[in-house]
Amino acid sequence: MTKYSTELKIEVVSKYLNHVNSLLGLEKEYDILPNYQIFRWVKLAQKQGLEALRVKHTKKEYSFEFKLDVVRYYLTNNQERTEAAARFNINPSQVYSWTHKFNEEGIAGLKPNQKGCPRKIPKKTKYIKKRAQKIELSEKEKYEEKILQQEAELERLRIENLILKKWLPDIHVIQ
């Protein structure tokens, strides 16, 4: 069961967008904690409309391509997780999870896992091979992973360069 109903979310966001109350005022009025929850709802409603605040009662499974698109968008655009999540209508913690998996395991971390319980008594030869063997990536997937990592590194270097230009504008190289 969800903590906040669809009607409550719409009411709170409508009050904020109509300048009836501030985020802190709404937080106290409706006793909504943590305080950034209302901010998430507002961002989501601004990006996709009030319909996006509807409570979903089904578990959604995301495709490998969708996960890759979300991670690519988050790493290459200089935005917060909340804004990236609002763009794709997912939870910000999901953006963090997929990005973390991508950073740890690469593109293979975004592939779907096998469902169900493992066999109680595995066949030894197959079991050993499965444990030793990692997920094999196709040439295209390896290439996409390399490009995505390079795009993220390029964005990080751009930001670093902007920071250095801002803080060190008067330093010139002496030749």
C-alpha atoms as a PDB file:
ATOM      1  CA  MET A   1       0.000   0.000   0.000  1.00  0.00           C
ATOM      2  CA  THR A   2       1.259   3.446  -0.812  1.00  0.00           C
ATOM      3  CA  LYS A   3       1.789   6.047   1.814  1.00  0.00           C
ATOM      4  CA  TYR A   4       0.139   8.941  -0.034  1.00  0.00           C
ATOM      5  CA  SER A   5      -2.975   8.743  -2.194  1.00  0.00           C
ATOM      6  CA  THR A   6      -3.236  10.157  -5.687  1.00  0.00           C
ATOM      7  CA  GLU A   7      -5.787  12.754  -4.549  1.00  0.00           C
ATOM      8  CA  LEU A   8      -3.490  14.016  -1.782  1.00  0.00           C
ATOM      9  CA  LYS A   9      -0.541  14.341  -4.170  1.00  0.00           C
ATOM     10  CA  ILE A  10      -2.618  16.261  -6.702  1.00  0.00           C
ATOM     11  CA  GLU A  11      -4.034  18.540  -4.003  1.00  0.00           C
ATOM     12  CA  VAL A  12      -0.593  19.338  -2.553  1.00  0.00           C
ATOM     13  CA  VAL A  13       1.004  19.964  -5.959  1.00  0.00           C
ATOM     14  CA  SER A  14      -1.917  22.122  -7.086  1.00  0.00           C
ATOM     15  CA  LYS A  15      -1.608  24.294  -3.979  1.00  0.00           C
ATOM     16  CA  TYR A  16       2.099  24.731  -4.594  1.00  0.00           C
ATOM     17  CA  LEU A  17       1.762  25.506  -8.297  1.00  0.00           C
ATOM     18  CA  ASN A  18      -1.054  28.011  -7.611  1.00  0.00           C
ATOM     19  CA  HIS A  19       1.173  29.755  -5.025  1.00  0.00           C
ATOM     20  CA  VAL A  20      -1.244  29.014  -2.183  1.00  0.00           C
ATOM     21  CA  ASN A  21       1.504  27.714   0.098  1.00  0.00           C
ATOM     22  CA  SER A  22       5.266  27.088   0.140  1.00  0.00           C
ATOM     23  CA  LEU A  23       7.001  23.723   0.250  1.00  0.00           C
ATOM     24  CA  LEU A  24       7.682  24.064   3.978  1.00  0.00           C
ATOM     25  CA  GLY A  25       4.115  25.213   4.638  1.00  0.00           C
ATOM     26  CA  LEU A  26       2.676  22.265   2.749  1.00  0.00           C
ATOM     27  CA  GLU A  27       5.046  19.904   4.522  1.00  0.00           C
ATOM     28  CA  LYS A  28       3.775  21.093   7.902  1.00  0.00           C
ATOM     29  CA  GLU A  29       0.127  21.285   6.836  1.00  0.00           C
ATOM     30  CA  TYR A  30      -0.014  17.726   5.477  1.00  0.00           C
ATOM     31  CA  ASP A  31       2.715  16.244   7.704  1.00  0.00           C
ATOM     32  CA  ILE A  32       4.699  14.944   4.730  1.00  0.00           C
ATOM     33  CA  LEU A  33       8.207  13.797   5.457  1.00  0.00           C
ATOM     34  CA  PRO A  34      10.863  13.991   4.114  1.00  0.00           C
ATOM     35  CA  ASN A  35      10.576  17.533   2.811  1.00  0.00           C
ATOM     36  CA  TYR A  36      11.964  16.767  -0.657  1.00  0.00           C
ATOM     37  CA  GLN A  37       8.989  14.454  -1.366  1.00  0.00           C
ATOM     38  CA  ILE A  38       6.750  17.379  -2.332  1.00  0.00           C
ATOM     39  CA  PHE A  39       9.549  18.774  -4.489  1.00  0.00           C
ATOM     40  CA  ARG A  40       9.697  15.436  -6.380  1.00  0.00           C
ATOM     41  CA  TRP A  41       5.946  15.506  -6.969  1.00  0.00           C
ATOM     42  CA  VAL A  42       6.118  19.091  -8.255  1.00  0.00           C
ATOM     43  CA  LYS A  43       8.976  18.261 -10.668  1.00  0.00           C
ATOM     44  CA  LEU A  44       7.102  15.203 -11.921  1.00  0.00           C
ATOM     45  CA  ALA A  45       3.882  17.181 -12.434  1.00  0.00           C
ATOM     46  CA  GLN A  46       5.726  19.968 -14.250  1.00  0.00           C
ATOM     47  CA  LYS A  47       7.452  17.524 -16.604  1.00  0.00           C
ATOM     48  CA  GLN A  48       4.555  15.131 -17.289  1.00  0.00           C
ATOM     49  CA  GLY A  49       1.371  16.605 -15.881  1.00  0.00           C
ATOM     50  CA  LEU A  50      -0.754  15.702 -12.869  1.00  0.00           C
ATOM     51  CA  GLU A  51      -1.605  12.308 -14.341  1.00  0.00           C
ATOM     52  CA  ALA A  52       1.959  11.173 -13.596  1.00  0.00           C
ATOM     53  CA  LEU A  53       1.207  11.443  -9.858  1.00  0.00           C
ATOM     54  CA  ARG A  54      -1.270   8.577 -10.070  1.00  0.00           C
ATOM     55  CA  VAL A  55      -0.442   5.710  -7.728  1.00  0.00           C
ATOM     56  CA  LYS A  56       0.656   2.637  -9.650  1.00  0.00           C
ATOM     57  CA  HIS A  57      -0.337  -0.734  -8.231  1.00  0.00           C
ATOM     58  CA  THR A  58       1.543  -2.964 -10.625  1.00  0.00           C
ATOM     59  CA  LYS A  59       5.176  -3.927 -10.696  1.00  0.00           C
ATOM     60  CA  LYS A  60       6.785  -2.578 -13.823  1.00  0.00           C
ATOM     61  CA  GLU A  61       9.641  -4.321 -15.559  1.00  0.00           C
ATOM     62  CA  TYR A  62      11.923  -2.203 -17.691  1.00  0.00           C
ATOM     63  CA  SER A  63      13.699  -3.310 -20.832  1.00  0.00           C
ATOM     64  CA  PHE A  64      17.450  -3.287 -21.201  1.00  0.00           C
ATOM     65  CA  GLU A  65      17.211  -0.502 -23.806  1.00  0.00           C
ATOM     66  CA  PHE A  66      15.107   1.685 -21.488  1.00  0.00           C
ATOM     67  CA  LYS A  67      17.608   1.270 -18.642  1.00  0.00           C
ATOM     68  CA  LEU A  68      20.443   2.111 -20.993  1.00  0.00           C
ATOM     69  CA  ASP A  69      18.603   5.234 -22.209  1.00  0.00           C
ATOM     70  CA  VAL A  70      18.038   6.417 -18.636  1.00  0.00           C
ATOM     71  CA  VAL A  71      21.678   5.861 -17.654  1.00  0.00           C
ATOM     72  CA  ARG A  72      22.928   7.522 -20.848  1.00  0.00           C
ATOM     73  CA  TYR A  73      20.665  10.539 -20.297  1.00  0.00           C
ATOM     74  CA  TYR A  74      21.679  10.901 -16.641  1.00  0.00           C
ATOM     75  CA  LEU A  75      25.421  10.571 -17.295  1.00  0.00           C
ATOM     76  CA  THR A  76      25.613  12.810 -20.356  1.00  0.00           C
ATOM     77  CA  ASN A  77      23.246  15.614 -19.286  1.00  0.00           C
ATOM     78  CA  ASN A  78      24.236  17.653 -16.299  1.00  0.00           C
ATOM     79  CA  GLN A  79      21.008  17.185 -14.335  1.00  0.00           C
ATOM     80  CA  GLU A  80      19.965  15.862 -10.955  1.00  0.00           C
ATOM     81  CA  ARG A  81      18.570  12.368 -10.484  1.00  0.00           C
ATOM     82  CA  THR A  82      15.172  13.866  -9.690  1.00  0.00           C
ATOM     83  CA  GLU A  83      14.965  15.633 -13.036  1.00  0.00           C
ATOM     84  CA  ALA A  84      16.129  12.572 -14.973  1.00  0.00           C
ATOM     85  CA  ALA A  85      13.603  10.429 -13.095  1.00  0.00           C
ATOM     86  CA  ALA A  86      10.796  12.896 -13.809  1.00  0.00           C
ATOM     87  CA  ARG A  87      11.675  12.848 -17.505  1.00  0.00           C
ATOM     88  CA  PHE A  88      11.289   9.058 -17.661  1.00  0.00           C
ATOM     89  CA  ASN A  89       8.521   8.804 -15.015  1.00  0.00           C
ATOM     90  CA  ILE A  90      10.478   6.560 -12.662  1.00  0.00           C
ATOM     91  CA  ASN A  91      11.698   6.834  -9.093  1.00  0.00           C
ATOM     92  CA  PRO A  92      14.988   8.721  -8.539  1.00  0.00           C
ATOM     93  CA  SER A  93      16.316   5.771  -6.533  1.00  0.00           C
ATOM     94  CA  GLN A  94      15.897   3.644  -9.667  1.00  0.00           C
ATOM     95  CA  VAL A  95      18.118   6.061 -11.615  1.00  0.00           C
ATOM     96  CA  TYR A  96      20.726   5.787  -8.863  1.00  0.00           C
ATOM     97  CA  SER A  97      20.494   1.996  -8.808  1.00  0.00           C
ATOM     98  CA  TRP A  98      20.931   1.584 -12.552  1.00  0.00           C
ATOM     99  CA  THR A  99      23.765   4.120 -12.690  1.00  0.00           C
ATOM    100  CA  HIS A 100      25.517   2.400  -9.798  1.00  0.00           C
ATOM    101  CA  LYS A 101      25.159  -0.995 -11.483  1.00  0.00           C
ATOM    102  CA  PHE A 102      26.489   0.455 -14.729  1.00  0.00           C
ATOM    103  CA  ASN A 103      29.505   1.968 -12.965  1.00  0.00           C
ATOM    104  CA  GLU A 104      30.241  -1.273 -11.107  1.00  0.00           C
ATOM    105  CA  GLU A 105      29.503  -3.951 -13.727  1.00  0.00           C
ATOM    106  CA  GLY A 106      29.296  -2.039 -16.985  1.00  0.00           C
ATOM    107  CA  ILE A 107      26.542  -2.549 -19.503  1.00  0.00           C
ATOM    108  CA  ALA A 108      26.114  -6.175 -18.379  1.00  0.00           C
ATOM    109  CA  GLY A 109      24.763  -4.920 -15.034  1.00  0.00           C
ATOM    110  CA  LEU A 110      21.701  -3.518 -16.785  1.00  0.00           C
ATOM    111  CA  LYS A 111      20.735  -6.830 -18.374  1.00  0.00           C
ATOM    112  CA  PRO A 112      17.805  -8.645 -16.731  1.00  0.00           C
ATOM    113  CA  ASN A 113      18.633 -11.312 -14.163  1.00  0.00           C
ATOM    114  CA  GLN A 114      17.308 -14.849 -14.340  1.00  0.00           C
ATOM    115  CA  LYS A 115      14.123 -15.244 -12.301  1.00  0.00           C
ATOM    116  CA  GLY A 116      13.250 -18.058  -9.941  1.00  0.00           C
ATOM    117  CA  CYS A 117      15.120 -20.129  -7.417  1.00  0.00           C
ATOM    118  CA  PRO A 118      18.211 -22.058  -8.396  1.00  0.00           C
ATOM    119  CA  ARG A 119      18.037 -25.842  -8.345  1.00  0.00           C
ATOM    120  CA  LYS A 120      18.611 -27.364  -4.933  1.00  0.00           C
ATOM    121  CA  ILE A 121      21.055 -29.953  -6.227  1.00  0.00           C
ATOM    122  CA  PRO A 122      22.752 -28.468  -9.266  1.00  0.00           C
ATOM    123  CA  LYS A 123      24.535 -30.589 -11.783  1.00  0.00           C
ATOM    124  CA  LYS A 124      28.150 -30.033 -10.948  1.00  0.00           C
ATOM    125  CA  THR A 125      29.531 -29.525 -14.432  1.00  0.00           C
ATOM    126  CA  LYS A 126      26.878 -27.041 -15.516  1.00  0.00           C
ATOM    127  CA  TYR A 127      26.917 -25.258 -12.157  1.00  0.00           C
ATOM    128  CA  ILE A 128      30.672 -24.743 -12.228  1.00  0.00           C
ATOM    129  CA  LYS A 129      30.557 -23.460 -15.803  1.00  0.00           C
ATOM    130  CA  LYS A 130      27.759 -21.022 -14.984  1.00  0.00           C
ATOM    131  CA  ARG A 131      29.566 -19.591 -11.982  1.00  0.00           C
ATOM    132  CA  ALA A 132      32.843 -19.214 -13.834  1.00  0.00           C
ATOM    133  CA  GLN A 133      31.264 -17.745 -16.951  1.00  0.00           C
ATOM    134  CA  LYS A 134      30.310 -14.055 -16.922  1.00  0.00           C
ATOM    135  CA  ILE A 135      27.620 -12.573 -19.095  1.00  0.00           C
ATOM    136  CA  GLU A 136      29.006 -12.342 -22.601  1.00  0.00           C
ATOM    137  CA  LEU A 137      28.376  -9.093 -24.425  1.00  0.00           C
ATOM    138  CA  SER A 138      27.923  -8.780 -28.132  1.00  0.00           C
ATOM    139  CA  GLU A 139      30.270  -6.523 -30.099  1.00  0.00           C
ATOM    140  CA  LYS A 140      27.534  -3.887 -30.375  1.00  0.00           C
ATOM    141  CA  GLU A 141      26.938  -3.898 -26.604  1.00  0.00           C
ATOM    142  CA  LYS A 142      30.667  -3.636 -25.902  1.00  0.00           C
ATOM    143  CA  TYR A 143      30.861  -0.698 -28.288  1.00  0.00           C
ATOM    144  CA  GLU A 144      27.826   1.002 -26.664  1.00  0.00           C
ATOM    145  CA  GLU A 145      29.341   0.536 -23.211  1.00  0.00           C
ATOM    146  CA  LYS A 146      32.625   2.071 -24.320  1.00  0.00           C
ATOM    147  CA  ILE A 147      30.846   5.044 -25.923  1.00  0.00           C
ATOM    148  CA  LEU A 148      28.706   5.625 -22.828  1.00  0.00           C
ATOM    149  CA  GLN A 149      31.742   5.541 -20.548  1.00  0.00           C
ATOM    150  CA  GLN A 150      33.570   7.972 -22.817  1.00  0.00           C
ATOM    151  CA  GLU A 151      30.566  10.333 -22.920  1.00  0.00           C
ATOM    152  CA  ALA A 152      30.365  10.320 -19.118  1.00  0.00           C
ATOM    153  CA  GLU A 153      34.113  10.996 -18.852  1.00  0.00           C
ATOM    154  CA  LEU A 154      33.829  13.824 -21.404  1.00  0.00           C
ATOM    155  CA  GLU A 155      30.999  15.439 -19.428  1.00  0.00           C
ATOM    156  CA  ARG A 156      33.016  15.131 -16.202  1.00  0.00           C
ATOM    157  CA  LEU A 157      36.024  16.778 -17.875  1.00  0.00           C
ATOM    158  CA  ARG A 158      33.856  19.595 -19.280  1.00  0.00           C
ATOM    159  CA  ILE A 159      32.548  20.369 -15.810  1.00  0.00           C
ATOM    160  CA  GLU A 160      36.060  20.204 -14.380  1.00  0.00           C
ATOM    161  CA  ASN A 161      37.278  22.570 -17.103  1.00  0.00           C
ATOM    162  CA  LEU A 162      34.478  25.066 -16.391  1.00  0.00           C
ATOM    163  CA  ILE A 163      35.304  25.028 -12.692  1.00  0.00           C
ATOM    164  CA  LEU A 164      38.977  25.659 -13.385  1.00  0.00           C
ATOM    165  CA  LYS A 165      38.148  28.523 -15.763  1.00  0.00           C
ATOM    166  CA  LYS A 166      35.911  30.099 -13.142  1.00  0.00           C
ATOM    167  CA  TRP A 167      38.389  29.850 -10.269  1.00  0.00           C
ATOM    168  CA  LEU A 168      41.600  30.471 -12.192  1.00  0.00           C
ATOM    169  CA  PRO A 169      40.768  33.120 -14.825  1.00  0.00           C
ATOM    170  CA  ASP A 170      43.929  35.218 -14.447  1.00  0.00           C
ATOM    171  CA  ILE A 171      46.579  32.525 -14.606  1.00  0.00           C
ATOM    172  CA  HIS A 172      48.473  32.515 -17.891  1.00  0.00           C
ATOM    173  CA  VAL A 173      51.081  30.063 -19.081  1.00  0.00           C
ATOM    174  CA  ILE A 174      54.535  31.676 -19.170  1.00  0.00           C
ATOM    175  CA  GLN A 175      56.612  30.658 -22.174  1.00  0.00           C
END
